C-alpha atoms as a PDB file:
ATOM      1  CA  UNK A   1     -17.948  25.031  40.226  1.00  0.00           C
ATOM      2  CA  UNK A   2     -18.455  25.579  36.539  1.00  0.00           C
ATOM      3  CA  UNK A   3     -21.964  25.358  35.243  1.00  0.00           C
ATOM      4  CA  UNK A   4     -23.161  24.386  31.768  1.00  0.00           C
ATOM      5  CA  UNK A   5     -25.924  25.503  29.823  1.00  0.00           C
ATOM      6  CA  UNK A   6     -26.555  22.290  28.028  1.00  0.00           C
ATOM      7  CA  UNK A   7     -29.187  23.983  25.765  1.00  0.00           C
ATOM      8  CA  UNK A   8     -26.797  26.269  24.464  1.00  0.00           C
ATOM      9  CA  UNK A   9     -24.099  23.569  23.994  1.00  0.00           C
ATOM     10  CA  UNK A  10     -26.652  21.363  22.079  1.00  0.00           C
ATOM     11  CA  UNK A  11     -27.370  24.132  20.046  1.00  0.00           C
ATOM     12  CA  UNK A  12     -23.813  25.037  18.913  1.00  0.00           C
ATOM     13  CA  UNK A  13     -23.224  21.233  18.496  1.00  0.00           C
ATOM     14  CA  UNK A  14     -26.291  20.912  16.270  1.00  0.00           C
ATOM     15  CA  UNK A  15     -25.230  24.160  14.147  1.00  0.00           C
ATOM     16  CA  UNK A  16     -21.652  22.594  13.763  1.00  0.00           C
ATOM     17  CA  UNK A  17     -23.044  19.246  12.475  1.00  0.00           C
ATOM     18  CA  UNK A  18     -25.494  20.712  10.057  1.00  0.00           C
ATOM     19  CA  UNK A  19     -23.076  23.215   8.845  1.00  0.00           C
ATOM     20  CA  UNK A  20     -21.437  22.357   5.148  1.00  0.00           C
ATOM     21  CA  UNK A  21     -17.692  22.332   6.011  1.00  0.00           C
ATOM     22  CA  UNK A  22     -16.248  23.124   2.465  1.00  0.00           C
ATOM     23  CA  UNK A  23     -17.047  26.078   0.321  1.00  0.00           C
ATOM     24  CA  UNK A  24     -16.726  25.357  -3.202  1.00  0.00           C
ATOM     25  CA  UNK A  25     -17.289  27.612  -6.243  1.00  0.00           C
ATOM     26  CA  UNK A  26     -18.155  26.119  -9.720  1.00  0.00           C
ATOM     27  CA  UNK A  27     -17.385  28.141 -12.759  1.00  0.00           C
ATOM     28  CA  UNK A  28     -20.538  28.736 -14.653  1.00  0.00           C
ATOM     29  CA  UNK A  29     -20.184  30.913 -17.765  1.00  0.00           C
ATOM     30  CA  UNK A  30     -19.762  30.487 -21.570  1.00  0.00           C
ATOM     31  CA  UNK A  31     -17.981  27.616 -22.758  1.00  0.00           C
ATOM     32  CA  UNK A  32     -19.030  25.354 -19.821  1.00  0.00           C
ATOM     33  CA  UNK A  33     -20.484  22.947 -22.234  1.00  0.00           C
ATOM     34  CA  UNK A  34     -22.263  19.533 -22.225  1.00  0.00           C
ATOM     35  CA  UNK A  35     -23.790  17.733 -19.352  1.00  0.00           C
ATOM     36  CA  UNK A  36     -20.640  17.404 -17.298  1.00  0.00           C
ATOM     37  CA  UNK A  37     -20.815  21.058 -16.089  1.00  0.00           C
ATOM     38  CA  UNK A  38     -24.290  20.147 -14.844  1.00  0.00           C
ATOM     39  CA  UNK A  39     -23.046  16.872 -13.101  1.00  0.00           C
ATOM     40  CA  UNK A  40     -20.427  18.937 -11.355  1.00  0.00           C
ATOM     41  CA  UNK A  41     -23.207  21.249  -9.965  1.00  0.00           C
ATOM     42  CA  UNK A  42     -25.289  18.122  -8.802  1.00  0.00           C
ATOM     43  CA  UNK A  43     -22.288  16.565  -7.001  1.00  0.00           C
ATOM     44  CA  UNK A  44     -21.568  19.616  -5.029  1.00  0.00           C
ATOM     45  CA  UNK A  45     -24.757  20.842  -4.320  1.00  0.00           C
ATOM     46  CA  UNK A  46     -25.945  17.425  -3.420  1.00  0.00           C
ATOM     47  CA  UNK A  47     -22.936  16.712  -0.981  1.00  0.00           C
ATOM     48  CA  UNK A  48     -23.591  16.593   2.850  1.00  0.00           C
ATOM     49  CA  UNK A  49     -20.024  18.059   3.025  1.00  0.00           C
ATOM     50  CA  UNK A  50     -20.152  21.360   0.730  1.00  0.00           C
ATOM     51  CA  UNK A  51     -21.755  24.343   0.142  1.00  0.00           C
ATOM     52  CA  UNK A  52     -22.056  25.467  -3.631  1.00  0.00           C
ATOM     53  CA  UNK A  53     -21.446  29.061  -5.176  1.00  0.00           C
ATOM     54  CA  UNK A  54     -21.870  29.556  -8.927  1.00  0.00           C
ATOM     55  CA  UNK A  55     -19.481  31.858 -10.691  1.00  0.00           C
ATOM     56  CA  UNK A  56     -19.435  33.632 -13.583  1.00  0.00           C
ATOM     57  CA  UNK A  57     -16.750  35.349 -15.244  1.00  0.00           C
ATOM     58  CA  UNK A  58     -18.224  38.850 -13.658  1.00  0.00           C
ATOM     59  CA  UNK A  59     -18.226  37.114 -10.497  1.00  0.00           C
ATOM     60  CA  UNK A  60     -14.578  36.088 -10.673  1.00  0.00           C
ATOM     61  CA  UNK A  61     -13.823  39.745 -11.887  1.00  0.00           C
ATOM     62  CA  UNK A  62     -15.645  41.251  -8.574  1.00  0.00           C
ATOM     63  CA  UNK A  63     -14.177  38.885  -5.737  1.00  0.00           C
ATOM     64  CA  UNK A  64     -16.607  35.885  -6.023  1.00  0.00           C
ATOM     65  CA  UNK A  65     -13.505  33.635  -5.083  1.00  0.00           C
ATOM     66  CA  UNK A  66     -13.257  35.435  -1.583  1.00  0.00           C
ATOM     67  CA  UNK A  67     -13.955  33.086   1.426  1.00  0.00           C
ATOM     68  CA  UNK A  68     -13.861  29.826  -0.577  1.00  0.00           C
ATOM     69  CA  UNK A  69     -11.859  26.790  -0.137  1.00  0.00           C
ATOM     70  CA  UNK A  70     -11.947  25.255  -3.450  1.00  0.00           C
ATOM     71  CA  UNK A  71     -12.665  26.187  -6.938  1.00  0.00           C
ATOM     72  CA  UNK A  72     -13.638  23.970  -9.575  1.00  0.00           C
ATOM     73  CA  UNK A  73     -13.331  24.582 -13.240  1.00  0.00           C
ATOM     74  CA  UNK A  74     -15.289  21.874 -15.398  1.00  0.00           C
ATOM     75  CA  UNK A  75     -14.734  21.062 -19.158  1.00  0.00           C
ATOM     76  CA  UNK A  76     -16.094  22.575 -22.070  1.00  0.00           C
ATOM     77  CA  UNK A  77     -14.568  24.972 -24.463  1.00  0.00           C
ATOM     78  CA  UNK A  78     -11.375  26.830 -23.448  1.00  0.00           C
ATOM     79  CA  UNK A  79     -11.429  29.930 -25.692  1.00  0.00           C
ATOM     80  CA  UNK A  80     -15.302  30.937 -24.739  1.00  0.00           C
ATOM     81  CA  UNK A  81     -14.338  30.253 -20.970  1.00  0.00           C
ATOM     82  CA  UNK A  82     -11.207  32.393 -20.706  1.00  0.00           C
ATOM     83  CA  UNK A  83     -12.993  35.030 -22.888  1.00  0.00           C
ATOM     84  CA  UNK A  84     -15.743  35.299 -20.202  1.00  0.00           C
ATOM     85  CA  UNK A  85     -13.322  35.365 -17.512  1.00  0.00           C
ATOM     86  CA  UNK A  86     -11.302  38.238 -19.194  1.00  0.00           C
ATOM     87  CA  UNK A  87      -7.703  38.951 -17.834  1.00  0.00           C
ATOM     88  CA  UNK A  88      -9.029  40.229 -14.482  1.00  0.00           C
ATOM     89  CA  UNK A  89     -10.982  36.883 -13.781  1.00  0.00           C
ATOM     90  CA  UNK A  90      -7.765  34.811 -14.641  1.00  0.00           C
ATOM     91  CA  UNK A  91      -5.683  37.068 -12.274  1.00  0.00           C
ATOM     92  CA  UNK A  92      -8.147  36.397  -9.486  1.00  0.00           C
ATOM     93  CA  UNK A  93      -7.834  32.653 -10.304  1.00  0.00           C
ATOM     94  CA  UNK A  94      -4.216  33.081  -9.913  1.00  0.00           C
ATOM     95  CA  UNK A  95      -4.203  34.940  -6.719  1.00  0.00           C
ATOM     96  CA  UNK A  96      -6.878  32.634  -5.211  1.00  0.00           C
ATOM     97  CA  UNK A  97      -4.669  29.550  -5.572  1.00  0.00           C
ATOM     98  CA  UNK A  98      -1.230  31.490  -4.803  1.00  0.00           C
ATOM     99  CA  UNK A  99      -3.149  32.684  -1.601  1.00  0.00           C
ATOM    100  CA  UNK A 100      -3.817  28.989  -0.426  1.00  0.00           C
ATOM    101  CA  UNK A 101      -6.770  28.237  -2.311  1.00  0.00           C
ATOM    102  CA  UNK A 102      -7.409  24.806  -4.138  1.00  0.00           C
ATOM    103  CA  UNK A 103      -8.362  24.190  -7.695  1.00  0.00           C
ATOM    104  CA  UNK A 104      -9.711  21.128  -9.431  1.00  0.00           C
ATOM    105  CA  UNK A 105      -9.902  21.209 -13.070  1.00  0.00           C
ATOM    106  CA  UNK A 106     -11.119  18.861 -15.430  1.00  0.00           C
ATOM    107  CA  UNK A 107     -10.573  18.872 -19.307  1.00  0.00           C
ATOM    108  CA  UNK A 108     -11.103  22.388 -20.351  1.00  0.00           C
ATOM    109  CA  UNK A 109     -10.295  23.181 -16.456  1.00  0.00           C
ATOM    110  CA  UNK A 110      -6.691  21.839 -17.279  1.00  0.00           C
ATOM    111  CA  UNK A 111      -6.184  23.257 -20.704  1.00  0.00           C
ATOM    112  CA  UNK A 112      -6.930  26.971 -19.715  1.00  0.00           C
ATOM    113  CA  UNK A 113      -3.881  26.799 -17.294  1.00  0.00           C
ATOM    114  CA  UNK A 114      -1.251  25.551 -20.306  1.00  0.00           C
ATOM    115  CA  UNK A 115       2.004  27.116 -20.572  1.00  0.00           C
ATOM    116  CA  UNK A 116       1.273  28.319 -24.042  1.00  0.00           C
ATOM    117  CA  UNK A 117      -0.962  31.240 -25.822  1.00  0.00           C
ATOM    118  CA  UNK A 118      -2.368  29.599 -29.048  1.00  0.00           C
ATOM    119  CA  UNK A 119      -4.225  31.855 -31.446  1.00  0.00           C
ATOM    120  CA  UNK A 120      -7.757  30.334 -30.683  1.00  0.00           C
ATOM    121  CA  UNK A 121      -7.870  30.707 -26.821  1.00  0.00           C
ATOM    122  CA  UNK A 122      -6.063  32.830 -24.002  1.00  0.00           C
ATOM    123  CA  UNK A 123      -4.179  30.643 -21.252  1.00  0.00           C
ATOM    124  CA  UNK A 124      -3.649  31.478 -17.654  1.00  0.00           C
ATOM    125  CA  UNK A 125      -0.197  29.780 -18.012  1.00  0.00           C
ATOM    126  CA  UNK A 126      -0.193  28.349 -14.509  1.00  0.00           C
ATOM    127  CA  UNK A 127       1.012  24.856 -15.120  1.00  0.00           C
ATOM    128  CA  UNK A 128       4.336  23.693 -16.999  1.00  0.00           C
ATOM    129  CA  UNK A 129       2.421  21.772 -19.794  1.00  0.00           C
ATOM    130  CA  UNK A 130       1.490  22.547 -23.137  1.00  0.00           C
ATOM    131  CA  UNK A 131      -0.609  20.527 -25.611  1.00  0.00           C
ATOM    132  CA  UNK A 132       0.800  18.385 -27.894  1.00  0.00           C
ATOM    133  CA  UNK A 133      -0.071  19.243 -31.502  1.00  0.00           C
ATOM    134  CA  UNK A 134      -3.010  17.173 -33.243  1.00  0.00           C
ATOM    135  CA  UNK A 135      -6.479  16.965 -34.588  1.00  0.00           C
ATOM    136  CA  UNK A 136      -9.685  16.352 -32.824  1.00  0.00           C
ATOM    137  CA  UNK A 137      -9.253  13.271 -30.615  1.00  0.00           C
ATOM    138  CA  UNK A 138     -12.974  12.843 -30.095  1.00  0.00           C
ATOM    139  CA  UNK A 139     -14.894  11.212 -27.208  1.00  0.00           C
ATOM    140  CA  UNK A 140     -14.633   7.462 -25.663  1.00  0.00           C
ATOM    141  CA  UNK A 141     -14.020   5.872 -22.438  1.00  0.00           C
ATOM    142  CA  UNK A 142     -10.244   6.069 -22.330  1.00  0.00           C
ATOM    143  CA  UNK A 143      -7.946   3.543 -20.187  1.00  0.00           C
ATOM    144  CA  UNK A 144      -5.766   5.302 -17.468  1.00  0.00           C
ATOM    145  CA  UNK A 145      -3.082   3.919 -15.905  1.00  0.00           C
ATOM    146  CA  UNK A 146      -2.142   5.441 -12.448  1.00  0.00           C
ATOM    147  CA  UNK A 147       1.689   6.112 -11.213  1.00  0.00           C
ATOM    148  CA  UNK A 148       2.750   5.061  -7.812  1.00  0.00           C
ATOM    149  CA  UNK A 149       1.893   8.607  -6.493  1.00  0.00           C
ATOM    150  CA  UNK A 150      -1.349   8.522  -8.204  1.00  0.00           C
ATOM    151  CA  UNK A 151      -2.105   4.840  -6.546  1.00  0.00           C
ATOM    152  CA  UNK A 152      -1.085   6.175  -3.134  1.00  0.00           C
ATOM    153  CA  UNK A 153      -3.346   9.323  -3.439  1.00  0.00           C
ATOM    154  CA  UNK A 154      -6.226   7.826  -5.132  1.00  0.00           C
ATOM    155  CA  UNK A 155      -5.990   4.214  -3.166  1.00  0.00           C
ATOM    156  CA  UNK A 156      -6.270   2.250  -6.334  1.00  0.00           C
ATOM    157  CA  UNK A 157      -4.424  -0.883  -7.581  1.00  0.00           C
ATOM    158  CA  UNK A 158      -1.677  -0.726 -10.388  1.00  0.00           C
ATOM    159  CA  UNK A 159      -4.340  -1.601 -13.411  1.00  0.00           C
ATOM    160  CA  UNK A 160      -6.248   0.266 -16.105  1.00  0.00           C
ATOM    161  CA  UNK A 161      -9.228   2.393 -15.081  1.00  0.00           C
ATOM    162  CA  UNK A 162     -11.696   3.756 -17.379  1.00  0.00           C
ATOM    163  CA  UNK A 163     -12.610   7.525 -17.290  1.00  0.00           C
ATOM    164  CA  UNK A 164     -14.835   9.265 -19.780  1.00  0.00           C
ATOM    165  CA  UNK A 165     -12.571  11.607 -22.091  1.00  0.00           C
ATOM    166  CA  UNK A 166     -13.412  13.949 -24.832  1.00  0.00           C
ATOM    167  CA  UNK A 167     -10.949  16.150 -26.506  1.00  0.00           C
ATOM    168  CA  UNK A 168      -9.235  16.921 -23.209  1.00  0.00           C
ATOM    169  CA  UNK A 169      -5.679  18.221 -23.623  1.00  0.00           C
ATOM    170  CA  UNK A 170      -2.945  15.740 -24.384  1.00  0.00           C
ATOM    171  CA  UNK A 171       0.254  17.383 -23.206  1.00  0.00           C
ATOM    172  CA  UNK A 172       3.686  17.167 -22.579  1.00  0.00           C
ATOM    173  CA  UNK A 173       5.923  18.869 -19.987  1.00  0.00           C
ATOM    174  CA  UNK A 174       7.502  22.289 -20.535  1.00  0.00           C
ATOM    175  CA  UNK A 175      10.196  24.686 -18.668  1.00  0.00           C
ATOM    176  CA  UNK A 176       9.019  25.437 -15.054  1.00  0.00           C
ATOM    177  CA  UNK A 177       6.229  27.960 -14.587  1.00  0.00           C
ATOM    178  CA  UNK A 178       7.056  29.871 -11.155  1.00  0.00           C
ATOM    179  CA  UNK A 179       5.359  29.708  -8.637  1.00  0.00           C
ATOM    180  CA  UNK A 180       3.979  26.353  -9.680  1.00  0.00           C
ATOM    181  CA  UNK A 181       6.482  23.440  -8.182  1.00  0.00           C
ATOM    182  CA  UNK A 182       6.110  19.769  -6.977  1.00  0.00           C
ATOM    183  CA  UNK A 183       4.472  18.799 -10.130  1.00  0.00           C
ATOM    184  CA  UNK A 184       3.510  15.111 -10.022  1.00  0.00           C
ATOM    185  CA  UNK A 185       2.248  13.220 -12.877  1.00  0.00           C
ATOM    186  CA  UNK A 186      -0.618  10.868 -11.143  1.00  0.00           C
ATOM    187  CA  UNK A 187      -1.723   8.851 -13.842  1.00  0.00           C
ATOM    188  CA  UNK A 188      -1.011   8.404 -17.787  1.00  0.00           C
ATOM    189  CA  UNK A 189      -3.181   7.809 -20.822  1.00  0.00           C
ATOM    190  CA  UNK A 190      -3.115   3.851 -21.789  1.00  0.00           C
ATOM    191  CA  UNK A 191      -5.105   4.194 -24.869  1.00  0.00           C
ATOM    192  CA  UNK A 192      -5.341   5.783 -27.962  1.00  0.00           C
ATOM    193  CA  UNK A 193      -7.794   7.684 -29.963  1.00  0.00           C
ATOM    194  CA  UNK A 194      -7.776  10.046 -33.174  1.00  0.00           C
ATOM    195  CA  UNK A 195     -10.885  11.403 -34.443  1.00  0.00           C
ATOM    196  CA  UNK A 196      -9.670  12.043 -37.999  1.00  0.00           C
ATOM    197  CA  UNK A 197      -6.670  10.772 -39.906  1.00  0.00           C
ATOM    198  CA  UNK A 198      -3.731   8.452 -38.814  1.00  0.00           C
ATOM    199  CA  UNK A 199      -2.192   8.728 -35.150  1.00  0.00           C
ATOM    200  CA  UNK A 200       0.771  11.024 -35.777  1.00  0.00           C
ATOM    201  CA  UNK A 201       0.955  12.618 -32.204  1.00  0.00           C
ATOM    202  CA  UNK A 202       0.184   9.694 -29.815  1.00  0.00           C
ATOM    203  CA  UNK A 203      -1.856  10.279 -26.493  1.00  0.00           C
ATOM    204  CA  UNK A 204      -0.544   6.968 -25.412  1.00  0.00           C
ATOM    205  CA  UNK A 205       1.558   7.787 -22.217  1.00  0.00           C
ATOM    206  CA  UNK A 206       0.868  11.512 -21.916  1.00  0.00           C
ATOM    207  CA  UNK A 207      -0.342  12.883 -18.557  1.00  0.00           C
ATOM    208  CA  UNK A 208      -3.998  12.248 -17.616  1.00  0.00           C
ATOM    209  CA  UNK A 209      -4.031  13.339 -13.933  1.00  0.00           C
ATOM    210  CA  UNK A 210      -1.418  15.719 -12.369  1.00  0.00           C
ATOM    211  CA  UNK A 211      -1.206  17.518  -9.279  1.00  0.00           C
ATOM    212  CA  UNK A 212       1.224  20.609  -8.325  1.00  0.00           C
ATOM    213  CA  UNK A 213       1.511  23.462  -5.903  1.00  0.00           C
ATOM    214  CA  UNK A 214       1.236  27.132  -6.786  1.00  0.00           C
ATOM    215  CA  UNK A 215       2.810  29.204  -4.314  1.00  0.00           C
ATOM    216  CA  UNK A 216       0.746  28.446  -0.966  1.00  0.00           C
ATOM    217  CA  UNK A 217      -2.099  26.717  -2.996  1.00  0.00           C
ATOM    218  CA  UNK A 218      -2.502  23.240  -4.665  1.00  0.00           C
ATOM    219  CA  UNK A 219      -4.127  22.047  -7.865  1.00  0.00           C
ATOM    220  CA  UNK A 220      -5.378  18.554  -9.393  1.00  0.00           C
ATOM    221  CA  UNK A 221      -5.973  18.425 -12.709  1.00  0.00           C
ATOM    222  CA  UNK A 222      -7.593  15.982 -15.193  1.00  0.00           C
ATOM    223  CA  UNK A 223      -7.619  16.010 -18.825  1.00  0.00           C
ATOM    224  CA  UNK A 224     -10.629  13.745 -18.737  1.00  0.00           C
ATOM    225  CA  UNK A 225     -13.941  13.553 -17.084  1.00  0.00           C
ATOM    226  CA  UNK A 226     -14.305  11.682 -13.780  1.00  0.00           C
ATOM    227  CA  UNK A 227     -17.788  13.141 -12.789  1.00  0.00           C
ATOM    228  CA  UNK A 228     -19.588  11.473 -15.968  1.00  0.00           C
ATOM    229  CA  UNK A 229     -19.703   7.860 -14.704  1.00  0.00           C
ATOM    230  CA  UNK A 230     -20.786   6.661 -11.371  1.00  0.00           C
ATOM    231  CA  UNK A 231     -17.889   4.067 -11.160  1.00  0.00           C
ATOM    232  CA  UNK A 232     -15.182   7.044 -11.494  1.00  0.00           C
ATOM    233  CA  UNK A 233     -16.621   9.707  -9.369  1.00  0.00           C
ATOM    234  CA  UNK A 234     -14.637   8.004  -6.259  1.00  0.00           C
ATOM    235  CA  UNK A 235     -11.789  10.021  -8.095  1.00  0.00           C
ATOM    236  CA  UNK A 236     -13.491  13.221  -7.083  1.00  0.00           C
ATOM    237  CA  UNK A 237     -13.866  12.641  -3.424  1.00  0.00           C
ATOM    238  CA  UNK A 238     -10.163  11.504  -3.122  1.00  0.00           C
ATOM    239  CA  UNK A 239      -9.213  14.647  -5.067  1.00  0.00           C
ATOM    240  CA  UNK A 240     -11.183  16.816  -3.053  1.00  0.00           C
ATOM    241  CA  UNK A 241      -9.891  14.938   0.217  1.00  0.00           C
ATOM    242  CA  UNK A 242      -6.272  15.364  -0.821  1.00  0.00           C
ATOM    243  CA  UNK A 243      -6.802  19.030  -1.739  1.00  0.00           C
ATOM    244  CA  UNK A 244      -8.982  20.179   1.448  1.00  0.00           C
ATOM    245  CA  UNK A 245      -8.854  17.655   3.974  1.00  0.00           C
ATOM    246  CA  UNK A 246     -12.569  17.275   4.073  1.00  0.00           C
ATOM    247  CA  UNK A 247     -13.893  13.676   3.552  1.00  0.00           C
ATOM    248  CA  UNK A 248     -16.183  14.868   0.635  1.00  0.00           C
ATOM    249  CA  UNK A 249     -19.132  12.772   0.092  1.00  0.00           C
ATOM    250  CA  UNK A 250     -21.146  11.985  -3.031  1.00  0.00           C
ATOM    251  CA  UNK A 251     -25.079  12.860  -3.087  1.00  0.00           C
ATOM    252  CA  UNK A 252     -27.139  10.244  -1.972  1.00  0.00           C
ATOM    253  CA  UNK A 253     -29.302   8.085  -4.377  1.00  0.00           C
ATOM    254  CA  UNK A 254     -32.514   9.136  -5.482  1.00  0.00           C
ATOM    255  CA  UNK A 255     -35.078   6.675  -6.910  1.00  0.00           C
ATOM    256  CA  UNK A 256     -37.221   8.280 -10.049  1.00  0.00           C
ATOM    257  CA  UNK A 257     -39.996   6.365  -8.832  1.00  0.00           C
ATOM    258  CA  UNK A 258     -43.169   8.486  -8.650  1.00  0.00           C
ATOM    259  CA  UNK A 259     -41.448  11.637 -10.269  1.00  0.00           C
ATOM    260  CA  UNK A 260     -41.683  13.129 -13.657  1.00  0.00           C
ATOM    261  CA  UNK A 261     -38.571  12.172 -15.673  1.00  0.00           C
ATOM    262  CA  UNK A 262     -36.984  15.259 -17.142  1.00  0.00           C
ATOM    263  CA  UNK A 263     -34.229  15.623 -19.490  1.00  0.00           C
ATOM    264  CA  UNK A 264     -32.390  18.837 -19.321  1.00  0.00           C
ATOM    265  CA  UNK A 265     -30.597  19.272 -22.603  1.00  0.00           C
ATOM    266  CA  UNK A 266     -27.897  21.944 -22.158  1.00  0.00           C
ATOM    267  CA  UNK A 267     -25.293  23.669 -24.465  1.00  0.00           C
ATOM    268  CA  UNK A 268     -23.731  26.474 -22.552  1.00  0.00           C
ATOM    269  CA  UNK A 269     -24.131  26.092 -18.910  1.00  0.00           C
ATOM    270  CA  UNK A 270     -24.148  29.770 -17.924  1.00  0.00           C
ATOM    271  CA  UNK A 271     -24.862  30.608 -14.390  1.00  0.00           C
ATOM    272  CA  UNK A 272     -28.553  31.373 -15.232  1.00  0.00           C
ATOM    273  CA  UNK A 273     -29.053  27.914 -17.136  1.00  0.00           C
ATOM    274  CA  UNK A 274     -27.307  26.189 -13.940  1.00  0.00           C
ATOM    275  CA  UNK A 275     -29.381  27.954 -11.612  1.00  0.00           C
ATOM    276  CA  UNK A 276     -32.363  26.527 -13.559  1.00  0.00           C
ATOM    277  CA  UNK A 277     -31.014  22.940 -13.444  1.00  0.00           C
ATOM    278  CA  UNK A 278     -30.302  23.222  -9.705  1.00  0.00           C
ATOM    279  CA  UNK A 279     -34.336  24.573  -9.068  1.00  0.00           C
ATOM    280  CA  UNK A 280     -35.546  21.322 -11.124  1.00  0.00           C
ATOM    281  CA  UNK A 281     -32.893  19.218  -8.961  1.00  0.00           C
ATOM    282  CA  UNK A 282     -34.673  20.416  -5.727  1.00  0.00           C
ATOM    283  CA  UNK A 283     -38.053  19.773  -6.747  1.00  0.00           C
ATOM    284  CA  UNK A 284     -39.324  16.561  -5.103  1.00  0.00           C
ATOM    285  CA  UNK A 285     -41.691  15.737  -7.916  1.00  0.00           C
ATOM    286  CA  UNK A 286     -39.237  15.639 -10.573  1.00  0.00           C
ATOM    287  CA  UNK A 287     -36.097  13.439 -11.570  1.00  0.00           C
ATOM    288  CA  UNK A 288     -33.939  15.505 -13.604  1.00  0.00           C
ATOM    289  CA  UNK A 289     -30.938  14.300 -15.838  1.00  0.00           C
ATOM    290  CA  UNK A 290     -28.733  16.477 -17.662  1.00  0.00           C
ATOM    291  CA  UNK A 291     -28.225  15.559 -21.265  1.00  0.00           C
ATOM    292  CA  UNK A 292     -25.772  16.813 -24.011  1.00  0.00           C
ATOM    293  CA  UNK A 293     -27.085  17.303 -27.395  1.00  0.00           C
ATOM    294  CA  UNK A 294     -25.469  14.271 -28.665  1.00  0.00           C
ATOM    295  CA  UNK A 295     -27.208  12.175 -25.953  1.00  0.00           C
ATOM    296  CA  UNK A 296     -30.625  13.229 -27.763  1.00  0.00           C
ATOM    297  CA  UNK A 297     -29.358  12.525 -31.242  1.00  0.00           C
ATOM    298  CA  UNK A 298     -28.222   9.004 -29.819  1.00  0.00           C
ATOM    299  CA  UNK A 299     -32.057   8.520 -28.717  1.00  0.00           C
ATOM    300  CA  UNK A 300     -31.339   8.724 -25.044  1.00  0.00           C
ATOM    301  CA  UNK A 301     -33.978  11.475 -24.592  1.00  0.00           C
ATOM    302  CA  UNK A 302     -37.008   8.991 -25.433  1.00  0.00           C
ATOM    303  CA  UNK A 303     -37.005   7.569 -21.670  1.00  0.00           C
ATOM    304  CA  UNK A 304     -37.893  10.643 -20.277  1.00  0.00           C
ATOM    305  CA  UNK A 305     -41.540  12.188 -19.829  1.00  0.00           C
ATOM    306  CA  UNK A 306     -39.982  15.620 -21.352  1.00  0.00           C
ATOM    307  CA  UNK A 307     -37.084  17.580 -22.455  1.00  0.00           C
ATOM    308  CA  UNK A 308     -36.089  20.891 -21.789  1.00  0.00           C
ATOM    309  CA  UNK A 309     -33.667  22.364 -24.275  1.00  0.00           C
ATOM    310  CA  UNK A 310     -31.199  25.215 -23.259  1.00  0.00           C
END
């Protein structure tokens, strides 16, 4: 008869239940700007299903992607981001995905991969898209309409969904970029915005969300910011589930009652600044909210007990 040590079995089960099943790297270096990058840190760090690793450009060059399941590249400024990564860091991203890793990019995290080399930034040329020429688009809550493939992946209806947009890449499809394949447009822009002058190169109908394979890996890319609004974060959960097979859950809601309300005003969310934000996030006496400088200009900082500017 086989005898079971139930103490050992229960200990093992407890360890499995308590372990984060998804190892996620978040890019955090120069060019990761605005509150969106901090929101990504909060979403991943606070999820019961993920373990967060912050990655600088130097970390990418030194093997920081090794052992991770998913790499998230948030929005910001493409030139400073890819400059901080360097050629070796960008090559590390290509290898990570080609070897079977998963990539989720928003806004700048999409434009960093475009099939072009403009004078103001270096691209990683991983996907068959290039930016449609035009001036600054600005920021607004843009209407997005999902394709049949997108509706199936995200579990949504055939109607407009409103997602925060801020100067993300408005693109057209180019010639293939091996080993990228199986490119699928999951959603298209169903709205229009031009910050300066008349609309000469419309965003209407341009791809807003795409998926593709890259050798053994897979990517989902947004030209917008699903992390910003509470009612669009389910797109993140569905994307991560599609890429990794993990049922990614959002952080539980936390009440500000009885806590000091801190507005964390950010510019470049480099690794050390992200670490400072996470430290505040873990402090039970503090309720911290990331703010962009434009939020402060608009008066949104007035509801906080204090502001920390970085």
